[in-house]
Protein backbone atom coordinates (compact mmCIF):
# COMPACT_ATOMS: atom_id res chain seq x y z
CA UNK A 1 -33.20 44.37 14.71
CA UNK A 2 -29.32 44.82 15.44
CA UNK A 3 -28.70 41.06 14.73
CA UNK A 4 -30.27 41.11 11.51
CA UNK A 5 -27.84 44.04 10.33
CA UNK A 6 -24.46 42.42 9.94
CA UNK A 7 -26.54 38.93 8.42
CA UNK A 8 -28.23 41.64 5.81
CA UNK A 9 -24.13 43.07 5.09
CA UNK A 10 -22.73 39.47 4.83
CA UNK A 11 -25.08 38.65 2.34
CA UNK A 12 -25.26 42.25 0.40
CA UNK A 13 -20.91 41.82 0.21
CA UNK A 14 -21.54 38.51 -1.28
CA UNK A 15 -23.93 39.14 -3.83
CA UNK A 16 -21.32 41.99 -4.69
CA UNK A 17 -18.66 39.94 -5.50
CA UNK A 18 -16.56 41.08 -8.46
CA UNK A 19 -15.57 36.99 -9.09
CA UNK A 20 -17.55 35.60 -11.92
CA UNK A 21 -19.21 32.38 -11.92
CA UNK A 22 -17.19 28.85 -11.87
CA UNK A 23 -17.89 27.39 -15.01
CA UNK A 24 -19.75 24.49 -14.92
CA UNK A 25 -17.59 20.96 -15.68
CA UNK A 26 -17.43 19.72 -18.92
CA UNK A 27 -17.27 15.47 -19.19
CA UNK A 28 -14.79 14.35 -22.42
CA UNK A 29 -14.36 10.89 -23.31
CA UNK A 30 -10.16 10.43 -22.97
CA UNK A 31 -8.69 10.27 -26.49
CA UNK A 32 -7.19 6.08 -27.73
CA UNK A 33 -3.77 7.00 -27.94
CA UNK A 34 -3.45 8.62 -23.96
CA UNK A 35 -5.95 5.73 -22.05
CA UNK A 36 -3.10 3.89 -21.56
CA UNK A 37 0.07 5.13 -19.76
CA UNK A 38 3.35 5.44 -21.92
CA UNK A 39 5.61 2.30 -21.84
CA UNK A 40 8.22 3.68 -19.24
CA UNK A 41 12.46 3.18 -20.09
CA UNK A 42 13.80 0.87 -17.74
CA UNK A 43 15.20 2.20 -14.46
CA UNK A 44 13.94 5.62 -15.55
CA UNK A 45 11.22 7.90 -14.05
CA UNK A 46 11.92 7.54 -10.49
CA UNK A 47 9.96 4.49 -10.31
CA UNK A 48 12.87 2.34 -8.79
CA UNK A 49 12.93 -1.60 -9.72
CA UNK A 50 10.11 -3.34 -11.00
CA UNK A 51 7.14 -5.09 -9.08
CA UNK A 52 8.19 -8.26 -10.68
CA UNK A 53 11.69 -7.69 -9.51
CA UNK A 54 10.81 -6.57 -5.74
CA UNK A 55 11.50 -9.03 -2.85
CA UNK A 56 9.34 -8.74 0.36
CA UNK A 57 9.65 -10.53 3.57
CA UNK A 58 6.49 -11.25 5.32
CA UNK A 59 6.74 -12.36 8.77
CA UNK A 60 4.01 -15.17 9.51
CA UNK A 61 3.56 -16.35 13.46
CA UNK A 62 1.86 -19.04 14.67
CA UNK A 63 0.10 -18.58 18.05
CA UNK A 64 -0.26 -22.08 19.28
CA UNK A 65 2.99 -23.51 18.47
CA UNK A 66 5.11 -19.82 18.67
CA UNK A 67 6.66 -20.60 15.35
CA UNK A 68 7.69 -17.45 13.49
CA UNK A 69 8.63 -17.37 9.79
CA UNK A 70 9.82 -15.05 7.52
CA UNK A 71 8.72 -15.94 4.27
CA UNK A 72 10.97 -13.94 0.74
CA UNK A 73 8.05 -13.43 -1.75
CA UNK A 74 7.97 -11.91 -5.21
CA UNK A 75 4.67 -10.19 -6.15
CA UNK A 76 2.28 -12.61 -7.56
CA UNK A 77 3.71 -15.17 -5.01
CA UNK A 78 1.77 -17.58 -3.21
CA UNK A 79 3.71 -19.30 -0.05
CA UNK A 80 1.52 -22.43 1.67
CA UNK A 81 2.45 -22.59 5.13
CA UNK A 82 0.72 -25.61 7.18
CA UNK A 83 -3.19 -24.28 6.96
CA UNK A 84 -2.58 -20.90 6.18
CA UNK A 85 -1.42 -19.16 2.55
CA UNK A 86 0.07 -16.08 2.17
CA UNK A 87 -0.35 -14.00 -1.54
CA UNK A 88 1.57 -11.61 -1.87
CA UNK A 89 0.14 -8.98 -4.29
CA UNK A 90 2.65 -5.85 -4.36
CA UNK A 91 5.69 -4.54 -2.34
CA UNK A 92 6.40 -1.05 -1.90
CA UNK A 93 8.43 1.11 -0.20
CA UNK A 94 9.03 4.83 -0.15
CA UNK A 95 12.19 6.13 -1.32
CA UNK A 96 15.21 7.27 0.42
CA UNK A 97 14.83 10.72 0.39
CA UNK A 98 11.06 10.70 1.03
CA UNK A 99 10.13 11.22 4.98
CA UNK A 100 8.88 9.64 6.40
CA UNK A 101 9.62 6.58 5.60
CA UNK A 102 7.38 3.58 4.98
CA UNK A 103 7.39 -0.43 3.84
CA UNK A 104 4.19 -1.79 2.62
CA UNK A 105 2.77 -4.69 1.08
CA UNK A 106 -0.53 -5.84 -0.21
CA UNK A 107 -0.83 -9.29 1.26
CA UNK A 108 -4.05 -11.95 1.45
CA UNK A 109 -4.05 -14.62 3.91
CA UNK A 110 -6.35 -18.02 3.02
CA UNK A 111 -6.55 -20.16 6.31
CA UNK A 112 -8.12 -23.82 5.81
CA UNK A 113 -11.53 -24.42 7.10
CA UNK A 114 -11.15 -26.69 9.87
CA UNK A 115 -14.92 -28.52 9.16
CA UNK A 116 -14.37 -28.87 5.90
CA UNK A 117 -10.51 -29.86 4.57
CA UNK A 118 -10.70 -29.13 1.26
CA UNK A 119 -12.28 -25.30 1.73
CA UNK A 120 -10.37 -22.18 2.23
CA UNK A 121 -11.51 -19.01 4.20
CA UNK A 122 -9.92 -15.88 3.52
CA UNK A 123 -9.30 -14.31 6.62
CA UNK A 124 -7.36 -10.50 5.06
CA UNK A 125 -7.21 -9.01 2.26
CA UNK A 126 -4.94 -5.83 2.23
CA UNK A 127 -2.08 -3.28 2.61
CA UNK A 128 -0.16 -3.53 5.67
CA UNK A 129 2.49 -1.61 6.80
CA UNK A 130 6.08 -1.60 8.63
CA UNK A 131 5.79 1.53 10.51
CA UNK A 132 2.04 1.38 11.42
CA UNK A 133 1.04 -2.00 11.99
CA UNK A 134 -2.06 -1.13 13.82
CA UNK A 135 -3.26 0.60 10.77
CA UNK A 136 -4.28 -2.83 9.31
CA UNK A 137 -4.16 -6.07 11.38
CA UNK A 138 -5.06 -9.41 10.14
CA UNK A 139 -7.41 -10.42 12.93
CA UNK A 140 -6.98 -14.34 13.40
CA UNK A 141 -6.99 -16.41 16.45
CA UNK A 142 -3.87 -18.40 15.45
CA UNK A 143 -2.18 -16.45 12.88
CA UNK A 144 -0.14 -13.04 12.52
CA UNK A 145 0.90 -11.46 9.70
CA UNK A 146 2.99 -8.60 8.99
CA UNK A 147 5.46 -6.97 6.78
CA UNK A 148 9.28 -7.18 7.10
CA UNK A 149 10.91 -5.25 4.07
CA UNK A 150 10.65 -4.77 0.54
CA UNK A 151 13.62 -5.10 -1.49
CA UNK A 152 13.93 -2.67 -4.06
CA UNK A 153 15.91 0.12 -5.52
CA UNK A 154 15.59 4.29 -6.99
CA UNK A 155 17.18 5.57 -9.66
CA UNK A 156 20.04 7.39 -7.94
CA UNK A 157 20.42 5.33 -4.80
CA UNK A 158 23.80 4.11 -3.68
CA UNK A 159 24.35 0.39 -3.74
CA UNK A 160 23.61 -0.80 -0.35
CA UNK A 161 26.85 -1.09 1.84
CA UNK A 162 28.56 -4.32 2.72
CA UNK A 163 27.39 -5.69 5.96
CA UNK A 164 31.16 -5.58 7.67
CA UNK A 165 29.70 -1.76 8.50
CA UNK A 166 26.72 -2.88 10.27
CA UNK A 167 28.25 -5.16 12.34
């Protein structure tokens, strides 16, 4: 009997709530003039460098011959190195005042099929992150691909210092 009393008391307290029931959601259509985002003036709204002007540095390692290359690419570009094609769709980095800082790139990797030389297999499609390489990994026995940098700037960000201070 004693075990039922606390349960019954809680049920009675819940029933005596002063809050009105939550209204049911109403589904409406988005007006045509709001369906697309308004055009942003260049360099405003904190968006930083337009996507087509960004440059990503992608690392490519051929584990078979231990040759590593840096591919500098703009979003929309594809680069073929031997039997691998790397496609860059986008690159992003957090603003310098945001913590933690992160750099990422959306990459697709295609490798030529050994049995059918005219055929390419997509082995990876997704975001790669500089600080968290194990979050999303290109799994292939011969090729490793990772993001090294995304060159872009944000409004209010200072121009990069000359390289003489870094030496």
